[in-house]
Amino acid sequence: MPIEAPTRLPTGSRTLSDFVVCQNFVFRPANVDGCSHLTYEDGTAVTTVNFKSYTQSIPDPERRLFDFLVSRLNPKSSDETH
């Protein structure tokens, strides 16, 4: 979800930036190059987010971050790229 201003501030738009907070991870979706999700046998899971200059792995057992990123990145299937 985008970072928003407190409700008591008289702003035209409550959105303050293009940063997003998801699973206690703050980032700009525009800077994300890709992502992947891995679930381990013990039930733990992580989403790995690839940025232009680094990679970050975030615990994501319910796939909230991964599903959000996939919806924002809107990847094309291999059939659509030709």
N, C-alpha and C. Protein backbone atom coordinates (compact mmCIF):
# COMPACT_ATOMS: atom_id res chain seq x y z
N MET A 1 0.83 -1.17 0.00
CA MET A 1 0.00 0.00 0.00
C MET A 1 0.88 1.24 0.00
N PRO A 2 0.54 2.29 -0.70
CA PRO A 2 1.33 3.51 -0.72
C PRO A 2 1.38 4.18 0.65
N ILE A 3 2.46 4.86 0.93
CA ILE A 3 2.59 5.60 2.18
C ILE A 3 1.69 6.82 2.08
N GLU A 4 0.86 7.04 3.09
CA GLU A 4 -0.11 8.12 3.04
C GLU A 4 0.08 9.11 4.17
N ALA A 5 -0.44 10.32 3.97
CA ALA A 5 -0.39 11.36 5.00
C ALA A 5 -1.41 11.06 6.08
N PRO A 6 -1.17 11.53 7.31
CA PRO A 6 -2.19 11.38 8.35
C PRO A 6 -3.49 12.05 7.91
N THR A 7 -4.62 11.53 8.37
CA THR A 7 -5.91 12.04 7.93
C THR A 7 -6.17 13.47 8.37
N ARG A 8 -5.47 13.97 9.37
CA ARG A 8 -5.71 15.33 9.84
C ARG A 8 -5.05 16.40 8.96
N LEU A 9 -4.20 16.00 8.02
CA LEU A 9 -3.55 16.97 7.14
C LEU A 9 -4.47 17.31 5.97
N PRO A 10 -4.64 18.61 5.68
CA PRO A 10 -5.50 19.01 4.56
C PRO A 10 -4.74 18.99 3.23
N THR A 11 -4.53 17.81 2.69
CA THR A 11 -3.85 17.72 1.41
C THR A 11 -4.84 17.27 0.35
N GLY A 12 -4.59 17.65 -0.88
CA GLY A 12 -5.47 17.25 -1.97
C GLY A 12 -5.42 15.75 -2.18
N SER A 13 -4.25 15.19 -2.06
CA SER A 13 -4.07 13.75 -2.18
C SER A 13 -3.35 13.27 -0.93
N ARG A 14 -3.81 12.18 -0.36
CA ARG A 14 -3.17 11.67 0.85
C ARG A 14 -1.91 10.89 0.53
N THR A 15 -1.66 10.53 -0.72
CA THR A 15 -0.46 9.78 -1.07
C THR A 15 0.73 10.73 -1.08
N LEU A 16 1.76 10.39 -0.30
CA LEU A 16 2.93 11.26 -0.18
C LEU A 16 4.07 10.87 -1.11
N SER A 17 4.14 9.62 -1.51
CA SER A 17 5.27 9.20 -2.32
C SER A 17 4.89 7.98 -3.14
N ASP A 18 5.84 7.54 -3.94
CA ASP A 18 5.62 6.33 -4.71
C ASP A 18 6.20 5.10 -4.01
N PHE A 19 6.57 5.26 -2.73
CA PHE A 19 7.04 4.12 -1.94
C PHE A 19 5.85 3.27 -1.52
N VAL A 20 6.11 1.98 -1.36
CA VAL A 20 5.09 1.02 -0.92
C VAL A 20 5.64 0.27 0.28
N VAL A 21 4.76 -0.04 1.24
CA VAL A 21 5.12 -0.86 2.39
C VAL A 21 4.33 -2.17 2.28
N CYS A 22 5.04 -3.29 2.23
CA CYS A 22 4.39 -4.59 2.16
C CYS A 22 5.28 -5.59 2.88
N GLN A 23 4.71 -6.35 3.81
CA GLN A 23 5.46 -7.32 4.59
C GLN A 23 6.65 -6.65 5.31
N ASN A 24 6.45 -5.46 5.84
CA ASN A 24 7.49 -4.68 6.53
C ASN A 24 8.68 -4.36 5.64
N PHE A 25 8.45 -4.29 4.35
CA PHE A 25 9.48 -3.99 3.36
C PHE A 25 9.05 -2.73 2.61
N VAL A 26 9.91 -1.73 2.60
CA VAL A 26 9.60 -0.45 1.95
C VAL A 26 10.41 -0.36 0.65
N PHE A 27 9.72 -0.06 -0.46
CA PHE A 27 10.41 0.00 -1.75
C PHE A 27 9.58 0.79 -2.74
N ARG A 28 10.20 1.11 -3.86
CA ARG A 28 9.50 1.74 -4.99
C ARG A 28 9.27 0.67 -6.05
N PRO A 29 8.02 0.36 -6.35
CA PRO A 29 7.76 -0.65 -7.37
C PRO A 29 8.43 -0.35 -8.72
N ALA A 30 8.60 0.91 -9.04
CA ALA A 30 9.23 1.27 -10.31
C ALA A 30 10.68 0.81 -10.39
N ASN A 31 11.32 0.58 -9.24
CA ASN A 31 12.72 0.15 -9.22
C ASN A 31 12.88 -1.36 -9.25
N VAL A 32 11.79 -2.11 -9.20
CA VAL A 32 11.85 -3.56 -9.17
C VAL A 32 12.03 -4.10 -10.60
N ASP A 33 13.05 -4.94 -10.76
CA ASP A 33 13.31 -5.56 -12.06
C ASP A 33 12.63 -6.92 -12.19
N GLY A 34 12.44 -7.60 -11.07
CA GLY A 34 11.82 -8.92 -11.10
C GLY A 34 11.69 -9.47 -9.70
N CYS A 35 11.02 -10.61 -9.59
CA CYS A 35 10.85 -11.23 -8.28
C CYS A 35 10.60 -12.72 -8.45
N SER A 36 10.82 -13.45 -7.38
CA SER A 36 10.53 -14.89 -7.37
C SER A 36 10.08 -15.27 -5.97
N HIS A 37 9.38 -16.38 -5.88
CA HIS A 37 8.88 -16.85 -4.58
C HIS A 37 9.31 -18.30 -4.40
N LEU A 38 9.78 -18.62 -3.21
CA LEU A 38 10.24 -19.97 -2.92
C LEU A 38 9.66 -20.42 -1.60
N THR A 39 9.01 -21.59 -1.59
CA THR A 39 8.46 -22.17 -0.38
C THR A 39 9.29 -23.40 -0.03
N TYR A 40 9.71 -23.48 1.22
CA TYR A 40 10.53 -24.60 1.69
C TYR A 40 9.66 -25.69 2.29
N GLU A 41 10.21 -26.88 2.44
CA GLU A 41 9.47 -28.02 2.96
C GLU A 41 8.95 -27.80 4.37
N ASP A 42 9.64 -26.97 5.17
CA ASP A 42 9.21 -26.73 6.55
C ASP A 42 8.08 -25.70 6.63
N GLY A 43 7.60 -25.20 5.49
CA GLY A 43 6.49 -24.26 5.47
C GLY A 43 6.91 -22.80 5.41
N THR A 44 8.18 -22.50 5.61
CA THR A 44 8.64 -21.12 5.48
C THR A 44 8.72 -20.76 4.00
N ALA A 45 8.63 -19.48 3.71
CA ALA A 45 8.67 -19.02 2.33
C ALA A 45 9.29 -17.64 2.26
N VAL A 46 9.96 -17.36 1.17
CA VAL A 46 10.56 -16.04 0.95
C VAL A 46 10.25 -15.57 -0.46
N THR A 47 10.15 -14.25 -0.58
CA THR A 47 10.07 -13.62 -1.88
C THR A 47 11.38 -12.90 -2.10
N THR A 48 12.02 -13.16 -3.22
CA THR A 48 13.27 -12.50 -3.56
C THR A 48 12.94 -11.42 -4.58
N VAL A 49 13.34 -10.19 -4.27
CA VAL A 49 13.07 -9.04 -5.13
C VAL A 49 14.38 -8.58 -5.75
N ASN A 50 14.39 -8.45 -7.07
CA ASN A 50 15.58 -8.01 -7.79
C ASN A 50 15.42 -6.55 -8.18
N PHE A 51 16.40 -5.75 -7.77
CA PHE A 51 16.46 -4.34 -8.13
C PHE A 51 17.62 -4.14 -9.09
N LYS A 52 17.79 -2.95 -9.58
CA LYS A 52 18.85 -2.65 -10.53
C LYS A 52 20.24 -3.01 -10.00
N SER A 53 20.50 -2.77 -8.72
CA SER A 53 21.84 -2.99 -8.20
C SER A 53 21.93 -4.00 -7.06
N TYR A 54 20.81 -4.58 -6.62
CA TYR A 54 20.88 -5.56 -5.53
C TYR A 54 19.66 -6.47 -5.51
N THR A 55 19.75 -7.47 -4.66
CA THR A 55 18.68 -8.45 -4.47
C THR A 55 18.36 -8.51 -2.99
N GLN A 56 17.07 -8.59 -2.66
CA GLN A 56 16.63 -8.64 -1.27
C GLN A 56 15.65 -9.80 -1.11
N SER A 57 15.84 -10.64 -0.08
CA SER A 57 14.90 -11.72 0.23
C SER A 57 14.11 -11.34 1.47
N ILE A 58 12.79 -11.49 1.38
CA ILE A 58 11.88 -11.07 2.44
C ILE A 58 11.00 -12.26 2.82
N PRO A 59 10.87 -12.56 4.13
CA PRO A 59 9.94 -13.61 4.53
C PRO A 59 8.54 -13.27 4.04
N ASP A 60 7.90 -14.22 3.37
CA ASP A 60 6.59 -13.96 2.76
C ASP A 60 5.77 -15.25 2.72
N PRO A 61 5.42 -15.81 3.90
CA PRO A 61 4.74 -17.11 3.92
C PRO A 61 3.36 -17.10 3.27
N GLU A 62 2.69 -15.96 3.24
CA GLU A 62 1.35 -15.90 2.65
C GLU A 62 1.35 -15.34 1.23
N ARG A 63 2.51 -15.13 0.65
CA ARG A 63 2.69 -14.64 -0.72
C ARG A 63 2.10 -13.24 -0.96
N ARG A 64 1.92 -12.46 0.09
CA ARG A 64 1.34 -11.12 -0.10
C ARG A 64 2.24 -10.23 -0.93
N LEU A 65 3.53 -10.18 -0.58
CA LEU A 65 4.47 -9.34 -1.34
C LEU A 65 4.59 -9.85 -2.77
N PHE A 66 4.76 -11.13 -2.94
CA PHE A 66 4.91 -11.69 -4.28
C PHE A 66 3.69 -11.41 -5.15
N ASP A 67 2.50 -11.65 -4.62
CA ASP A 67 1.28 -11.40 -5.39
C ASP A 67 1.13 -9.92 -5.74
N PHE A 68 1.50 -9.03 -4.80
CA PHE A 68 1.45 -7.60 -5.07
C PHE A 68 2.41 -7.24 -6.21
N LEU A 69 3.64 -7.75 -6.13
CA LEU A 69 4.63 -7.44 -7.17
C LEU A 69 4.21 -7.96 -8.53
N VAL A 70 3.67 -9.16 -8.57
CA VAL A 70 3.23 -9.72 -9.85
C VAL A 70 2.11 -8.87 -10.43
N SER A 71 1.20 -8.41 -9.57
CA SER A 71 0.12 -7.56 -10.09
C SER A 71 0.64 -6.22 -10.59
N ARG A 72 1.68 -5.68 -9.95
CA ARG A 72 2.25 -4.39 -10.39
C ARG A 72 3.13 -4.54 -11.62
N LEU A 73 3.89 -5.62 -11.68
CA LEU A 73 4.80 -5.81 -12.81
C LEU A 73 4.07 -6.27 -14.06
N ASN A 74 2.92 -6.93 -13.87
CA ASN A 74 2.10 -7.39 -14.98
C ASN A 74 2.94 -8.10 -16.04
N PRO A 75 3.59 -9.22 -15.65
CA PRO A 75 4.46 -9.90 -16.62
C PRO A 75 3.65 -10.51 -17.77
N LYS A 76 4.27 -10.54 -18.92
CA LYS A 76 3.63 -11.14 -20.10
C LYS A 76 3.99 -12.61 -20.17
N SER A 77 3.05 -13.40 -20.63
CA SER A 77 3.37 -14.82 -20.84
C SER A 77 4.31 -14.93 -22.04
N SER A 78 4.94 -16.09 -22.18
CA SER A 78 5.87 -16.26 -23.28
C SER A 78 5.19 -16.15 -24.64
N ASP A 79 3.88 -16.44 -24.70
CA ASP A 79 3.14 -16.30 -25.95
C ASP A 79 2.95 -14.83 -26.35
N GLU A 80 2.89 -13.94 -25.38
CA GLU A 80 2.64 -12.52 -25.65
C GLU A 80 3.89 -11.76 -26.06
N THR A 81 5.08 -12.33 -25.81
CA THR A 81 6.31 -11.60 -26.09
C THR A 81 6.74 -11.69 -27.55
N HIS A 82 6.12 -12.56 -28.32
CA HIS A 82 6.52 -12.71 -29.72
C HIS A 82 5.71 -11.81 -30.62
